[in-house]
Amino acid sequence: MSPNASVEKMYLYPKPVDFRKSIDGLASLVDWISKSRCLTPVLFVFLNRHRHRVKVLYWERNGFCLWLKRLESERFKTSADATDEAIELTVQELNWLLDGFNLWRNRPHQVLTPRFVA
């Protein structure tokens, strides 16, 4: 992405994707996120069935960009239970995923909001 572009959100597609799909095929899959549109500053992250490749699709000013990373000997760590819900990621979580950390086993404790003070 260009230095002037700012990403609003990042979504991980929850199920494995056939990586023969390119820009048009992946863009058609972003319908699973009804809140966003393809043409906004959003990153869409897809993994293949073997979880050793990742594709990132995003819109930049006047066209789609597609980024691919292939691991030579390891796999990306993902949730064992693939749901139909998109997984929203932060920039840090995307970097952790690309670096090989398991986001689902290394999450910090949930932040609690007290309802009243005793």
PDB file of N, CA and C in Angstrom:
ATOM      1  N   MET A   1       0.837  -1.175   0.000  1.00  0.00           N
ATOM      2  CA  MET A   1       0.000   0.000   0.000  1.00  0.00           C
ATOM      3  C   MET A   1       0.876   1.230   0.000  1.00  0.00           C
ATOM      4  N   SER A   2       0.335   2.289  -0.505  1.00  0.00           N
ATOM      5  CA  SER A   2       1.103   3.526  -0.526  1.00  0.00           C
ATOM      6  C   SER A   2       1.165   4.120   0.875  1.00  0.00           C
ATOM      7  N   PRO A   3       2.192   4.914   1.178  1.00  0.00           N
ATOM      8  CA  PRO A   3       2.337   5.481   2.513  1.00  0.00           C
ATOM      9  C   PRO A   3       1.180   6.378   2.916  1.00  0.00           C
ATOM     10  N   ASN A   4       0.462   6.947   1.955  1.00  0.00           N
ATOM     11  CA  ASN A   4      -0.641   7.846   2.276  1.00  0.00           C
ATOM     12  C   ASN A   4      -1.947   7.112   2.547  1.00  0.00           C
ATOM     13  N   ALA A   5      -2.022   5.846   2.212  1.00  0.00           N
ATOM     14  CA  ALA A   5      -3.254   5.089   2.408  1.00  0.00           C
ATOM     15  C   ALA A   5      -3.373   4.640   3.855  1.00  0.00           C
ATOM     16  N   SER A   6      -4.577   4.713   4.384  1.00  0.00           N
ATOM     17  CA  SER A   6      -4.801   4.232   5.739  1.00  0.00           C
ATOM     18  C   SER A   6      -5.898   3.179   5.694  1.00  0.00           C
ATOM     19  N   VAL A   7      -5.635   2.058   6.321  1.00  0.00           N
ATOM     20  CA  VAL A   7      -6.573   0.948   6.332  1.00  0.00           C
ATOM     21  C   VAL A   7      -7.518   1.134   7.504  1.00  0.00           C
ATOM     22  N   GLU A   8      -8.812   1.014   7.235  1.00  0.00           N
ATOM     23  CA  GLU A   8      -9.799   1.155   8.292  1.00  0.00           C
ATOM     24  C   GLU A   8      -9.966  -0.137   9.074  1.00  0.00           C
ATOM     25  N   LYS A   9     -10.072  -1.265   8.370  1.00  0.00           N
ATOM     26  CA  LYS A   9     -10.291  -2.556   9.024  1.00  0.00           C
ATOM     27  C   LYS A   9      -9.591  -3.650   8.243  1.00  0.00           C
ATOM     28  N   MET A  10      -9.418  -4.796   8.920  1.00  0.00           N
ATOM     29  CA  MET A  10      -8.851  -5.984   8.291  1.00  0.00           C
ATOM     30  C   MET A  10      -9.716  -7.165   8.672  1.00  0.00           C
ATOM     31  N   TYR A  11     -10.015  -8.000   7.694  1.00  0.00           N
ATOM     32  CA  TYR A  11     -10.858  -9.158   7.947  1.00  0.00           C
ATOM     33  C   TYR A  11     -10.170 -10.415   7.439  1.00  0.00           C
ATOM     34  N   LEU A  12     -10.211 -11.458   8.252  1.00  0.00           N
ATOM     35  CA  LEU A  12      -9.716 -12.774   7.869  1.00  0.00           C
ATOM     36  C   LEU A  12     -10.916 -13.607   7.445  1.00  0.00           C
ATOM     37  N   TYR A  13     -10.878 -14.110   6.214  1.00  0.00           N
ATOM     38  CA  TYR A  13     -11.941 -14.992   5.734  1.00  0.00           C
ATOM     39  C   TYR A  13     -11.859 -16.273   6.548  1.00  0.00           C
ATOM     40  N   PRO A  14     -12.970 -16.746   7.125  1.00  0.00           N
ATOM     41  CA  PRO A  14     -12.901 -17.826   8.107  1.00  0.00           C
ATOM     42  C   PRO A  14     -12.660 -19.225   7.556  1.00  0.00           C
ATOM     43  N   LYS A  15     -12.832 -19.435   6.266  1.00  0.00           N
ATOM     44  CA  LYS A  15     -12.704 -20.778   5.705  1.00  0.00           C
ATOM     45  C   LYS A  15     -11.604 -20.805   4.645  1.00  0.00           C
ATOM     46  N   PRO A  16     -11.047 -21.981   4.376  1.00  0.00           N
ATOM     47  CA  PRO A  16     -10.015 -22.088   3.331  1.00  0.00           C
ATOM     48  C   PRO A  16     -10.569 -21.693   1.961  1.00  0.00           C
ATOM     49  N   VAL A  17      -9.697 -21.105   1.143  1.00  0.00           N
ATOM     50  CA  VAL A  17     -10.081 -20.603  -0.177  1.00  0.00           C
ATOM     51  C   VAL A  17      -9.262 -21.317  -1.249  1.00  0.00           C
ATOM     52  N   ASP A  18      -9.896 -21.602  -2.362  1.00  0.00           N
ATOM     53  CA  ASP A  18      -9.206 -22.161  -3.517  1.00  0.00           C
ATOM     54  C   ASP A  18      -8.295 -21.070  -4.084  1.00  0.00           C
ATOM     55  N   PHE A  19      -6.994 -21.283  -4.020  1.00  0.00           N
ATOM     56  CA  PHE A  19      -6.054 -20.236  -4.418  1.00  0.00           C
ATOM     57  C   PHE A  19      -5.847 -20.131  -5.924  1.00  0.00           C
ATOM     58  N   ARG A  20      -6.635 -20.859  -6.703  1.00  0.00           N
ATOM     59  CA  ARG A  20      -6.650 -20.589  -8.133  1.00  0.00           C
ATOM     60  C   ARG A  20      -7.416 -19.309  -8.408  1.00  0.00           C
ATOM     61  N   LYS A  21      -8.199 -18.863  -7.403  1.00  0.00           N
ATOM     62  CA  LYS A  21      -8.925 -17.593  -7.529  1.00  0.00           C
ATOM     63  C   LYS A  21      -7.926 -16.453  -7.500  1.00  0.00           C
ATOM     64  N   SER A  22      -8.169 -15.485  -8.338  1.00  0.00           N
ATOM     65  CA  SER A  22      -7.334 -14.297  -8.344  1.00  0.00           C
ATOM     66  C   SER A  22      -8.173 -13.117  -7.869  1.00  0.00           C
ATOM     67  N   ILE A  23      -7.891 -11.943  -8.356  1.00  0.00           N
ATOM     68  CA  ILE A  23      -8.546 -10.736  -7.858  1.00  0.00           C
ATOM     69  C   ILE A  23     -10.068 -10.821  -7.988  1.00  0.00           C
ATOM     70  N   ASP A  24     -10.580 -11.150  -9.155  1.00  0.00           N
ATOM     71  CA  ASP A  24     -12.033 -11.167  -9.352  1.00  0.00           C
ATOM     72  C   ASP A  24     -12.722 -12.216  -8.478  1.00  0.00           C
ATOM     73  N   GLY A  25     -12.143 -13.399  -8.388  1.00  0.00           N
ATOM     74  CA  GLY A  25     -12.736 -14.454  -7.569  1.00  0.00           C
ATOM     75  C   GLY A  25     -12.721 -14.121  -6.089  1.00  0.00           C
ATOM     76  N   LEU A  26     -11.623 -13.544  -5.622  1.00  0.00           N
ATOM     77  CA  LEU A  26     -11.544 -13.165  -4.213  1.00  0.00           C
ATOM     78  C   LEU A  26     -12.448 -11.979  -3.910  1.00  0.00           C
ATOM     79  N   ALA A  27     -12.539 -11.034  -4.827  1.00  0.00           N
ATOM     80  CA  ALA A  27     -13.418  -9.874  -4.627  1.00  0.00           C
ATOM     81  C   ALA A  27     -14.873 -10.317  -4.511  1.00  0.00           C
ATOM     82  N   SER A  28     -15.237 -11.378  -5.214  1.00  0.00           N
ATOM     83  CA  SER A  28     -16.619 -11.861  -5.113  1.00  0.00           C
ATOM     84  C   SER A  28     -16.902 -12.488  -3.749  1.00  0.00           C
ATOM     85  N   LEU A  29     -15.860 -12.926  -3.052  1.00  0.00           N
ATOM     86  CA  LEU A  29     -16.040 -13.524  -1.730  1.00  0.00           C
ATOM     87  C   LEU A  29     -16.250 -12.495  -0.620  1.00  0.00           C
ATOM     88  N   VAL A  30     -15.940 -11.247  -0.868  1.00  0.00           N
ATOM     89  CA  VAL A  30     -16.054 -10.263   0.212  1.00  0.00           C
ATOM     90  C   VAL A  30     -17.503  -9.915   0.522  1.00  0.00           C
ATOM     91  N   ASP A  31     -18.446 -10.531  -0.152  1.00  0.00           N
ATOM     92  CA  ASP A  31     -19.854 -10.335   0.191  1.00  0.00           C
ATOM     93  C   ASP A  31     -20.171 -10.861   1.582  1.00  0.00           C
ATOM     94  N   TRP A  32     -19.331 -11.725   2.119  1.00  0.00           N
ATOM     95  CA  TRP A  32     -19.571 -12.259   3.459  1.00  0.00           C
ATOM     96  C   TRP A  32     -19.420 -11.198   4.531  1.00  0.00           C
ATOM     97  N   ILE A  33     -18.884 -10.064   4.171  1.00  0.00           N
ATOM     98  CA  ILE A  33     -18.812  -8.954   5.115  1.00  0.00           C
ATOM     99  C   ILE A  33     -19.783  -7.900   4.615  1.00  0.00           C
ATOM    100  N   SER A  34     -20.979  -7.920   5.126  1.00  0.00           N
ATOM    101  CA  SER A  34     -22.005  -7.008   4.619  1.00  0.00           C
ATOM    102  C   SER A  34     -21.769  -5.572   5.074  1.00  0.00           C
ATOM    103  N   LYS A  35     -20.989  -5.388   6.131  1.00  0.00           N
ATOM    104  CA  LYS A  35     -20.761  -4.044   6.660  1.00  0.00           C
ATOM    105  C   LYS A  35     -19.819  -3.233   5.784  1.00  0.00           C
ATOM    106  N   SER A  36     -18.932  -3.889   5.052  1.00  0.00           N
ATOM    107  CA  SER A  36     -17.965  -3.136   4.262  1.00  0.00           C
ATOM    108  C   SER A  36     -18.114  -3.424   2.784  1.00  0.00           C
ATOM    109  N   ARG A  37     -17.454  -2.617   2.034  1.00  0.00           N
ATOM    110  CA  ARG A  37     -17.463  -2.769   0.581  1.00  0.00           C
ATOM    111  C   ARG A  37     -16.038  -2.963   0.108  1.00  0.00           C
ATOM    112  N   CYS A  38     -15.902  -3.552  -1.045  1.00  0.00           N
ATOM    113  CA  CYS A  38     -14.577  -3.792  -1.620  1.00  0.00           C
ATOM    114  C   CYS A  38     -13.802  -2.508  -1.862  1.00  0.00           C
ATOM    115  N   LEU A  39     -14.495  -1.451  -2.161  1.00  0.00           N
ATOM    116  CA  LEU A  39     -13.832  -0.234  -2.620  1.00  0.00           C
ATOM    117  C   LEU A  39     -13.529   0.738  -1.484  1.00  0.00           C
ATOM    118  N   THR A  40     -13.425   0.255  -0.278  1.00  0.00           N
ATOM    119  CA  THR A  40     -13.043   1.072   0.874  1.00  0.00           C
ATOM    120  C   THR A  40     -11.689   0.601   1.360  1.00  0.00           C
ATOM    121  N   PRO A  41     -10.997   1.393   2.189  1.00  0.00           N
ATOM    122  CA  PRO A  41      -9.672   0.973   2.669  1.00  0.00           C
ATOM    123  C   PRO A  41      -9.757  -0.160   3.696  1.00  0.00           C
ATOM    124  N   VAL A  42     -10.043  -1.355   3.204  1.00  0.00           N
ATOM    125  CA  VAL A  42     -10.166  -2.548   4.031  1.00  0.00           C
ATOM    126  C   VAL A  42      -9.282  -3.636   3.437  1.00  0.00           C
ATOM    127  N   LEU A  43      -8.574  -4.374   4.298  1.00  0.00           N
ATOM    128  CA  LEU A  43      -7.786  -5.522   3.846  1.00  0.00           C
ATOM    129  C   LEU A  43      -8.607  -6.788   4.041  1.00  0.00           C
ATOM    130  N   PHE A  44      -8.607  -7.652   3.047  1.00  0.00           N
ATOM    131  CA  PHE A  44      -9.273  -8.940   3.130  1.00  0.00           C
ATOM    132  C   PHE A  44      -8.193 -10.017   3.054  1.00  0.00           C
ATOM    133  N   VAL A  45      -8.125 -10.859   4.080  1.00  0.00           N
ATOM    134  CA  VAL A  45      -7.064 -11.860   4.204  1.00  0.00           C
ATOM    135  C   VAL A  45      -7.674 -13.239   3.967  1.00  0.00           C
ATOM    136  N   PHE A  46      -7.029 -14.029   3.099  1.00  0.00           N
ATOM    137  CA  PHE A  46      -7.501 -15.363   2.743  1.00  0.00           C
ATOM    138  C   PHE A  46      -6.367 -16.365   2.930  1.00  0.00           C
ATOM    139  N   LEU A  47      -6.710 -17.568   3.409  1.00  0.00           N
ATOM    140  CA  LEU A  47      -5.736 -18.656   3.549  1.00  0.00           C
ATOM    141  C   LEU A  47      -6.169 -19.826   2.682  1.00  0.00           C
ATOM    142  N   ASN A  48      -5.189 -20.586   2.197  1.00  0.00           N
ATOM    143  CA  ASN A  48      -5.531 -21.774   1.423  1.00  0.00           C
ATOM    144  C   ASN A  48      -5.791 -22.956   2.360  1.00  0.00           C
ATOM    145  N   ARG A  49      -6.213 -24.071   1.796  1.00  0.00           N
ATOM    146  CA  ARG A  49      -6.602 -25.241   2.585  1.00  0.00           C
ATOM    147  C   ARG A  49      -5.445 -25.773   3.433  1.00  0.00           C
ATOM    148  N   HIS A  50      -4.245 -25.753   2.897  1.00  0.00           N
ATOM    149  CA  HIS A  50      -3.088 -26.275   3.625  1.00  0.00           C
ATOM    150  C   HIS A  50      -2.487 -25.255   4.592  1.00  0.00           C
ATOM    151  N   ARG A  51      -2.994 -24.018   4.553  1.00  0.00           N
ATOM    152  CA  ARG A  51      -2.569 -22.923   5.426  1.00  0.00           C
ATOM    153  C   ARG A  51      -1.072 -22.610   5.295  1.00  0.00           C
ATOM    154  N   HIS A  52      -0.533 -22.766   4.097  1.00  0.00           N
ATOM    155  CA  HIS A  52       0.863 -22.361   3.897  1.00  0.00           C
ATOM    156  C   HIS A  52       0.972 -21.180   2.925  1.00  0.00           C
ATOM    157  N   ARG A  53      -0.188 -20.678   2.482  1.00  0.00           N
ATOM    158  CA  ARG A  53      -0.232 -19.485   1.640  1.00  0.00           C
ATOM    159  C   ARG A  53      -1.305 -18.534   2.155  1.00  0.00           C
ATOM    160  N   VAL A  54      -1.006 -17.260   2.019  1.00  0.00           N
ATOM    161  CA  VAL A  54      -1.966 -16.224   2.396  1.00  0.00           C
ATOM    162  C   VAL A  54      -2.032 -15.217   1.258  1.00  0.00           C
ATOM    163  N   LYS A  55      -3.253 -14.765   0.963  1.00  0.00           N
ATOM    164  CA  LYS A  55      -3.448 -13.698  -0.013  1.00  0.00           C
ATOM    165  C   LYS A  55      -4.160 -12.554   0.698  1.00  0.00           C
ATOM    166  N   VAL A  56      -3.722 -11.340   0.407  1.00  0.00           N
ATOM    167  CA  VAL A  56      -4.337 -10.141   0.961  1.00  0.00           C
ATOM    168  C   VAL A  56      -4.825  -9.303  -0.215  1.00  0.00           C
ATOM    169  N   LEU A  57      -6.108  -9.005  -0.198  1.00  0.00           N
ATOM    170  CA  LEU A  57      -6.734  -8.225  -1.258  1.00  0.00           C
ATOM    171  C   LEU A  57      -7.158  -6.882  -0.681  1.00  0.00           C
ATOM    172  N   TYR A  58      -6.877  -5.820  -1.400  1.00  0.00           N
ATOM    173  CA  TYR A  58      -7.330  -4.498  -0.967  1.00  0.00           C
ATOM    174  C   TYR A  58      -7.483  -3.577  -2.169  1.00  0.00           C
ATOM    175  N   TRP A  59      -8.286  -2.547  -1.975  1.00  0.00           N
ATOM    176  CA  TRP A  59      -8.529  -1.539  -2.998  1.00  0.00           C
ATOM    177  C   TRP A  59      -7.641  -0.354  -2.717  1.00  0.00           C
ATOM    178  N   GLU A  60      -6.940   0.117  -3.733  1.00  0.00           N
ATOM    179  CA  GLU A  60      -6.116   1.308  -3.575  1.00  0.00           C
ATOM    180  C   GLU A  60      -6.421   2.280  -4.702  1.00  0.00           C
ATOM    181  N   ARG A  61      -7.063   3.360  -4.381  1.00  0.00           N
ATOM    182  CA  ARG A  61      -7.425   4.477  -5.257  1.00  0.00           C
ATOM    183  C   ARG A  61      -8.147   4.085  -6.536  1.00  0.00           C
ATOM    184  N   ASN A  62      -7.506   3.360  -7.435  1.00  0.00           N
ATOM    185  CA  ASN A  62      -8.120   3.110  -8.733  1.00  0.00           C
ATOM    186  C   ASN A  62      -8.042   1.652  -9.184  1.00  0.00           C
ATOM    187  N   GLY A  63      -7.783   0.753  -8.254  1.00  0.00           N
ATOM    188  CA  GLY A  63      -7.724  -0.652  -8.626  1.00  0.00           C
ATOM    189  C   GLY A  63      -7.408  -1.549  -7.454  1.00  0.00           C
ATOM    190  N   PHE A  64      -7.675  -2.841  -7.642  1.00  0.00           N
ATOM    191  CA  PHE A  64      -7.377  -3.822  -6.610  1.00  0.00           C
ATOM    192  C   PHE A  64      -5.897  -4.157  -6.590  1.00  0.00           C
ATOM    193  N   CYS A  65      -5.389  -4.464  -5.410  1.00  0.00           N
ATOM    194  CA  CYS A  65      -4.028  -4.963  -5.226  1.00  0.00           C
ATOM    195  C   CYS A  65      -4.138  -6.331  -4.579  1.00  0.00           C
ATOM    196  N   LEU A  66      -3.265  -7.232  -4.965  1.00  0.00           N
ATOM    197  CA  LEU A  66      -3.248  -8.576  -4.411  1.00  0.00           C
ATOM    198  C   LEU A  66      -1.834  -8.895  -3.969  1.00  0.00           C
ATOM    199  N   TRP A  67      -1.707  -9.302  -2.720  1.00  0.00           N
ATOM    200  CA  TRP A  67      -0.414  -9.621  -2.130  1.00  0.00           C
ATOM    201  C   TRP A  67      -0.441 -11.086  -1.739  1.00  0.00           C
ATOM    202  N   LEU A  68       0.643 -11.812  -1.994  1.00  0.00           N
ATOM    203  CA  LEU A  68       0.721 -13.245  -1.715  1.00  0.00           C
ATOM    204  C   LEU A  68       1.970 -13.549  -0.916  1.00  0.00           C
ATOM    205  N   LYS A  69       1.817 -14.413   0.089  1.00  0.00           N
ATOM    206  CA  LYS A  69       2.979 -14.914   0.828  1.00  0.00           C
ATOM    207  C   LYS A  69       2.861 -16.426   0.886  1.00  0.00           C
ATOM    208  N   ARG A  70       3.982 -17.128   0.598  1.00  0.00           N
ATOM    209  CA  ARG A  70       4.023 -18.584   0.651  1.00  0.00           C
ATOM    210  C   ARG A  70       5.080 -18.999   1.657  1.00  0.00           C
ATOM    211  N   LEU A  71       4.675 -19.852   2.594  1.00  0.00           N
ATOM    212  CA  LEU A  71       5.638 -20.398   3.555  1.00  0.00           C
ATOM    213  C   LEU A  71       6.265 -21.641   2.943  1.00  0.00           C
ATOM    214  N   GLU A  72       7.530 -21.817   3.175  1.00  0.00           N
ATOM    215  CA  GLU A  72       8.237 -22.954   2.581  1.00  0.00           C
ATOM    216  C   GLU A  72       8.126 -24.226   3.426  1.00  0.00           C
ATOM    217  N   SER A  73       8.042 -24.105   4.763  1.00  0.00           N
ATOM    218  CA  SER A  73       8.026 -25.331   5.552  1.00  0.00           C
ATOM    219  C   SER A  73       7.042 -25.323   6.718  1.00  0.00           C
ATOM    220  N   GLU A  74       6.385 -24.227   6.996  1.00  0.00           N
ATOM    221  CA  GLU A  74       5.460 -24.189   8.125  1.00  0.00           C
ATOM    222  C   GLU A  74       4.067 -23.803   7.656  1.00  0.00           C
ATOM    223  N   ARG A  75       3.167 -23.597   8.608  1.00  0.00           N
ATOM    224  CA  ARG A  75       1.785 -23.229   8.294  1.00  0.00           C
ATOM    225  C   ARG A  75       1.368 -22.035   9.126  1.00  0.00           C
ATOM    226  N   PHE A  76       0.406 -21.288   8.601  1.00  0.00           N
ATOM    227  CA  PHE A  76      -0.181 -20.200   9.375  1.00  0.00           C
ATOM    228  C   PHE A  76      -1.104 -20.810  10.417  1.00  0.00           C
ATOM    229  N   LYS A  77      -1.079 -20.268  11.620  1.00  0.00           N
ATOM    230  CA  LYS A  77      -1.906 -20.779  12.703  1.00  0.00           C
ATOM    231  C   LYS A  77      -3.271 -20.099  12.638  1.00  0.00           C
ATOM    232  N   THR A  78      -4.331 -20.916  12.619  1.00  0.00           N
ATOM    233  CA  THR A  78      -5.679 -20.374  12.567  1.00  0.00           C
ATOM    234  C   THR A  78      -6.556 -21.085  13.580  1.00  0.00           C
ATOM    235  N   SER A  79      -7.746 -20.567  13.747  1.00  0.00           N
ATOM    236  CA  SER A  79      -8.709 -21.149  14.667  1.00  0.00           C
ATOM    237  C   SER A  79      -9.138 -22.519  14.161  1.00  0.00           C
ATOM    238  N   ALA A  80      -9.294 -23.449  15.082  1.00  0.00           N
ATOM    239  CA  ALA A  80      -9.693 -24.803  14.692  1.00  0.00           C
ATOM    240  C   ALA A  80     -11.133 -24.860  14.209  1.00  0.00           C
ATOM    241  N   ASP A  81     -11.992 -24.015  14.745  1.00  0.00           N
ATOM    242  CA  ASP A  81     -13.403 -24.032  14.350  1.00  0.00           C
ATOM    243  C   ASP A  81     -13.698 -22.875  13.404  1.00  0.00           C
ATOM    244  N   ALA A  82     -13.775 -23.204  12.129  1.00  0.00           N
ATOM    245  CA  ALA A  82     -14.050 -22.184  11.113  1.00  0.00           C
ATOM    246  C   ALA A  82     -15.550 -21.903  11.092  1.00  0.00           C
ATOM    247  N   THR A  83     -15.917 -20.686  11.404  1.00  0.00           N
ATOM    248  CA  THR A  83     -17.316 -20.296  11.396  1.00  0.00           C
ATOM    249  C   THR A  83     -17.590 -19.518  10.113  1.00  0.00           C
ATOM    250  N   ASP A  84     -18.809 -19.045   9.972  1.00  0.00           N
ATOM    251  CA  ASP A  84     -19.151 -18.206   8.828  1.00  0.00           C
ATOM    252  C   ASP A  84     -18.929 -16.734   9.129  1.00  0.00           C
ATOM    253  N   GLU A  85     -18.535 -16.428  10.346  1.00  0.00           N
ATOM    254  CA  GLU A  85     -18.309 -15.045  10.760  1.00  0.00           C
ATOM    255  C   GLU A  85     -16.909 -14.595  10.361  1.00  0.00           C
ATOM    256  N   ALA A  86     -16.817 -13.408   9.798  1.00  0.00           N
ATOM    257  CA  ALA A  86     -15.512 -12.843   9.469  1.00  0.00           C
ATOM    258  C   ALA A  86     -14.775 -12.528  10.759  1.00  0.00           C
ATOM    259  N   ILE A  87     -13.474 -12.699  10.748  1.00  0.00           N
ATOM    260  CA  ILE A  87     -12.651 -12.430  11.921  1.00  0.00           C
ATOM    261  C   ILE A  87     -11.971 -11.093  11.698  1.00  0.00           C
ATOM    262  N   GLU A  88     -12.321 -10.115  12.512  1.00  0.00           N
ATOM    263  CA  GLU A  88     -11.719  -8.793  12.386  1.00  0.00           C
ATOM    264  C   GLU A  88     -10.357  -8.808  13.073  1.00  0.00           C
ATOM    265  N   LEU A  89      -9.346  -8.315  12.381  1.00  0.00           N
ATOM    266  CA  LEU A  89      -7.981  -8.296  12.893  1.00  0.00           C
ATOM    267  C   LEU A  89      -7.495  -6.866  13.076  1.00  0.00           C
ATOM    268  N   THR A  90      -6.597  -6.700  14.024  1.00  0.00           N
ATOM    269  CA  THR A  90      -5.877  -5.437  14.151  1.00  0.00           C
ATOM    270  C   THR A  90      -4.601  -5.550  13.317  1.00  0.00           C
ATOM    271  N   VAL A  91      -3.908  -4.446  13.151  1.00  0.00           N
ATOM    272  CA  VAL A  91      -2.635  -4.468  12.427  1.00  0.00           C
ATOM    273  C   VAL A  91      -1.663  -5.405  13.135  1.00  0.00           C
ATOM    274  N   GLN A  92      -1.612  -5.319  14.445  1.00  0.00           N
ATOM    275  CA  GLN A  92      -0.700  -6.164  15.214  1.00  0.00           C
ATOM    276  C   GLN A  92      -1.054  -7.641  15.067  1.00  0.00           C
ATOM    277  N   GLU A  93      -2.352  -7.970  15.094  1.00  0.00           N
ATOM    278  CA  GLU A  93      -2.765  -9.362  14.945  1.00  0.00           C
ATOM    279  C   GLU A  93      -2.432  -9.901  13.553  1.00  0.00           C
ATOM    280  N   LEU A  94      -2.582  -9.081  12.520  1.00  0.00           N
ATOM    281  CA  LEU A  94      -2.205  -9.517  11.174  1.00  0.00           C
ATOM    282  C   LEU A  94      -0.707  -9.786  11.110  1.00  0.00           C
ATOM    283  N   ASN A  95       0.086  -8.913  11.698  1.00  0.00           N
ATOM    284  CA  ASN A  95       1.534  -9.135  11.732  1.00  0.00           C
ATOM    285  C   ASN A  95       1.871 -10.397  12.505  1.00  0.00           C
ATOM    286  N   TRP A  96       1.195 -10.646  13.610  1.00  0.00           N
ATOM    287  CA  TRP A  96       1.421 -11.876  14.380  1.00  0.00           C
ATOM    288  C   TRP A  96       1.071 -13.106  13.553  1.00  0.00           C
ATOM    289  N   LEU A  97      -0.064 -13.046  12.838  1.00  0.00           N
ATOM    290  CA  LEU A  97      -0.475 -14.164  11.991  1.00  0.00           C
ATOM    291  C   LEU A  97       0.582 -14.442  10.933  1.00  0.00           C
ATOM    292  N   LEU A  98       1.076 -13.388  10.280  1.00  0.00           N
ATOM    293  CA  LEU A  98       2.094 -13.556   9.238  1.00  0.00           C
ATOM    294  C   LEU A  98       3.424 -14.038   9.808  1.00  0.00           C
ATOM    295  N   ASP A  99       3.690 -13.715  11.076  1.00  0.00           N
ATOM    296  CA  ASP A  99       4.922 -14.171  11.729  1.00  0.00           C
ATOM    297  C   ASP A  99       4.811 -15.572  12.307  1.00  0.00           C
ATOM    298  N   GLY A 100       3.600 -16.150  12.312  1.00  0.00           N
ATOM    299  CA  GLY A 100       3.442 -17.529  12.760  1.00  0.00           C
ATOM    300  C   GLY A 100       2.860 -17.711  14.145  1.00  0.00           C
ATOM    301  N   PHE A 101       2.453 -16.647  14.795  1.00  0.00           N
ATOM    302  CA  PHE A 101       1.857 -16.795  16.122  1.00  0.00           C
ATOM    303  C   PHE A 101       0.419 -17.262  16.001  1.00  0.00           C
ATOM    304  N   ASN A 102      -0.036 -18.025  16.994  1.00  0.00           N
ATOM    305  CA  ASN A 102      -1.409 -18.498  17.039  1.00  0.00           C
ATOM    306  C   ASN A 102      -2.244 -17.462  17.789  1.00  0.00           C
ATOM    307  N   LEU A 103      -3.093 -16.754  17.081  1.00  0.00           N
ATOM    308  CA  LEU A 103      -3.891 -15.681  17.676  1.00  0.00           C
ATOM    309  C   LEU A 103      -4.943 -16.206  18.636  1.00  0.00           C
ATOM    310  N   TRP A 104      -5.363 -17.437  18.474  1.00  0.00           N
ATOM    311  CA  TRP A 104      -6.460 -17.960  19.269  1.00  0.00           C
ATOM    312  C   TRP A 104      -5.987 -18.580  20.573  1.00  0.00           C
ATOM    313  N   ARG A 105      -4.748 -18.897  20.691  1.00  0.00           N
ATOM    314  CA  ARG A 105      -4.229 -19.453  21.949  1.00  0.00           C
ATOM    315  C   ARG A 105      -3.415 -18.440  22.724  1.00  0.00           C
ATOM    316  N   ASN A 106      -3.045 -17.349  22.114  1.00  0.00           N
ATOM    317  CA  ASN A 106      -2.200 -16.361  22.776  1.00  0.00           C
ATOM    318  C   ASN A 106      -2.918 -15.037  23.017  1.00  0.00           C
ATOM    319  N   ARG A 107      -4.221 -15.071  23.113  1.00  0.00           N
ATOM    320  CA  ARG A 107      -4.958 -13.834  23.357  1.00  0.00           C
ATOM    321  C   ARG A 107      -4.817 -13.435  24.825  1.00  0.00           C
ATOM    322  N   PRO A 108      -4.760 -12.126  25.086  1.00  0.00           N
ATOM    323  CA  PRO A 108      -4.720 -11.676  26.476  1.00  0.00           C
ATOM    324  C   PRO A 108      -6.074 -11.880  27.137  1.00  0.00           C
ATOM    325  N   HIS A 109      -6.105 -11.695  28.424  1.00  0.00           N
ATOM    326  CA  HIS A 109      -7.363 -11.817  29.153  1.00  0.00           C
ATOM    327  C   HIS A 109      -8.352 -10.766  28.679  1.00  0.00           C
ATOM    328  N   GLN A 110      -9.622 -11.104  28.764  1.00  0.00           N
ATOM    329  CA  GLN A 110     -10.674 -10.186  28.334  1.00  0.00           C
ATOM    330  C   GLN A 110     -10.727  -8.991  29.279  1.00  0.00           C
ATOM    331  N   VAL A 111     -10.911  -7.816  28.727  1.00  0.00           N
ATOM    332  CA  VAL A 111     -11.049  -6.603  29.524  1.00  0.00           C
ATOM    333  C   VAL A 111     -12.483  -6.550  30.056  1.00  0.00           C
ATOM    334  N   LEU A 112     -12.594  -6.391  31.361  1.00  0.00           N
ATOM    335  CA  LEU A 112     -13.913  -6.321  31.976  1.00  0.00           C
ATOM    336  C   LEU A 112     -14.251  -4.883  32.322  1.00  0.00           C
ATOM    337  N   THR A 113     -15.499  -4.530  32.142  1.00  0.00           N
ATOM    338  CA  THR A 113     -15.973  -3.204  32.510  1.00  0.00           C
ATOM    339  C   THR A 113     -16.893  -3.355  33.713  1.00  0.00           C
ATOM    340  N   PRO A 114     -16.515  -2.800  34.857  1.00  0.00           N
ATOM    341  CA  PRO A 114     -17.371  -2.954  36.037  1.00  0.00           C
ATOM    342  C   PRO A 114     -18.691  -2.217  35.846  1.00  0.00           C
ATOM    343  N   ARG A 115     -19.740  -2.818  36.372  1.00  0.00           N
ATOM    344  CA  ARG A 115     -21.073  -2.213  36.248  1.00  0.00           C
ATOM    345  C   ARG A 115     -21.319  -1.190  37.354  1.00  0.00           C
ATOM    346  N   PHE A 116     -20.714  -1.408  38.505  1.00  0.00           N
ATOM    347  CA  PHE A 116     -20.865  -0.472  39.608  1.00  0.00           C
ATOM    348  C   PHE A 116     -19.666  -0.593  40.523  1.00  0.00           C
ATOM    349  N   VAL A 117     -19.439   0.428  41.312  1.00  0.00           N
ATOM    350  CA  VAL A 117     -18.348   0.423  42.277  1.00  0.00           C
ATOM    351  C   VAL A 117     -18.956   0.214  43.648  1.00  0.00           C
ATOM    352  N   ALA A 118     -18.448  -0.781  44.377  1.00  0.00           N
ATOM    353  CA  ALA A 118     -18.996  -1.080  45.710  1.00  0.00           C
ATOM    354  C   ALA A 118     -18.425  -0.181  46.770  1.00  0.00           C
TER     355      ALA A 118
END
